[in-house]
Protein backbone atom coordinates (compact mmCIF):
# COMPACT_ATOMS: atom_id res chain seq x y z
CA MET A 1 35.13 -1.59 126.49
CA PRO A 2 35.02 -2.66 122.85
CA LEU A 3 35.33 -6.42 122.23
CA MET A 4 38.78 -7.66 121.41
CA PRO A 5 39.90 -10.02 118.56
CA TYR A 6 40.57 -13.49 119.26
CA ILE A 7 44.26 -14.21 118.54
CA GLU A 8 45.53 -18.02 119.00
CA GLN A 9 48.12 -18.06 122.11
CA ILE A 10 49.88 -20.72 123.53
CA GLU A 11 49.55 -21.57 127.12
CA ILE A 12 52.47 -20.53 129.14
CA ALA A 13 52.55 -24.26 130.74
CA LYS A 14 52.91 -25.56 127.65
CA ALA A 15 55.66 -23.48 126.26
CA THR A 16 59.16 -24.98 125.23
CA GLY A 17 62.19 -24.13 123.59
CA PHE A 18 62.58 -20.60 122.67
CA LEU A 19 59.01 -19.68 123.78
CA LYS A 20 59.69 -20.97 127.26
CA LYS A 21 62.69 -18.78 127.68
CA GLN A 22 60.67 -15.36 126.23
CA PHE A 23 58.30 -16.54 129.14
CA ASP A 24 60.68 -17.35 131.73
CA GLN A 25 62.02 -13.40 131.01
CA ALA A 26 58.95 -12.02 131.22
CA LEU A 27 58.29 -13.48 134.08
CA GLU A 28 61.88 -12.57 135.97
CA ARG A 29 61.05 -8.76 134.53
CA ALA A 30 57.55 -8.49 135.84
CA GLY A 31 56.45 -11.36 137.75
CA ARG A 32 53.85 -12.08 135.10
CA VAL A 33 53.58 -12.28 131.32
CA TRP A 34 51.87 -9.49 130.32
CA HIS A 35 48.94 -9.74 127.31
CA ILE A 36 50.76 -7.57 124.87
CA VAL A 37 53.77 -10.54 125.38
CA HIS A 38 51.56 -13.32 125.58
CA ILE A 39 49.77 -12.68 122.53
CA MET A 40 53.24 -12.76 120.27
CA SER A 41 53.28 -16.00 121.46
CA LEU A 42 53.52 -17.84 118.09
CA ASN A 43 56.25 -16.14 116.74
CA PRO A 44 58.77 -15.69 120.00
CA ARG A 45 61.33 -14.27 117.62
CA ALA A 46 58.99 -11.25 117.10
CA MET A 47 58.42 -11.48 120.77
CA ASP A 48 62.10 -11.12 121.34
CA ALA A 49 62.56 -8.18 119.04
CA SER A 50 59.70 -6.26 120.43
CA MET A 51 61.11 -6.87 124.05
CA LYS A 52 64.53 -5.42 122.94
CA PHE A 53 62.77 -2.67 120.99
CA TYR A 54 60.85 -1.61 124.18
CA GLY A 55 64.09 -2.01 126.13
CA ALA A 56 66.09 0.25 124.19
CA LEU A 57 62.91 2.89 124.28
CA MET A 58 62.05 2.50 127.84
CA VAL A 59 64.81 0.99 129.54
CA ALA A 60 68.20 2.06 128.26
CA SER A 61 70.02 5.62 128.91
CA SER A 62 67.83 8.21 127.19
CA PRO A 63 67.85 12.17 127.47
CA LEU A 64 64.09 11.52 129.21
CA ALA A 65 63.67 10.35 132.32
CA ARG A 66 61.82 6.81 132.55
CA TRP A 67 58.67 8.69 134.28
CA GLN A 68 58.50 10.93 131.01
CA ARG A 69 58.95 8.15 128.57
CA GLU A 70 55.97 6.11 130.58
CA MET A 71 53.97 9.24 130.50
CA LEU A 72 54.47 9.58 126.92
CA ALA A 73 53.40 6.09 126.38
CA VAL A 74 49.79 6.86 128.38
CA VAL A 75 49.04 9.63 126.75
CA THR A 76 49.63 8.60 123.25
CA ALA A 77 47.59 5.47 123.81
CA LYS A 78 44.91 7.83 125.24
CA ALA A 79 44.67 10.15 122.24
CA ASN A 80 44.67 6.81 120.09
CA ASP A 81 41.84 5.85 122.53
CA CYS A 82 43.69 2.66 123.08
CA PHE A 83 43.86 0.81 126.59
CA TYR A 84 47.30 0.97 128.16
């Protein structure tokens, strides 16, 4: 596996204000804060926008079933040699 760059992150336990709200929502959604979410901790507004975008694509009403959308994400990640 290739080395990943280091990106500063705010620890979940040290989050306050809007960032804490974003982490709490992540914990409620998934039972954990995934790395893709945590990496945005320095910019909680971007995190919020990203999660809303994700929800619009993957959770909201769509002509595609949820499993089809997830499969497209996996295939796209694989085609781009990206860990999903």
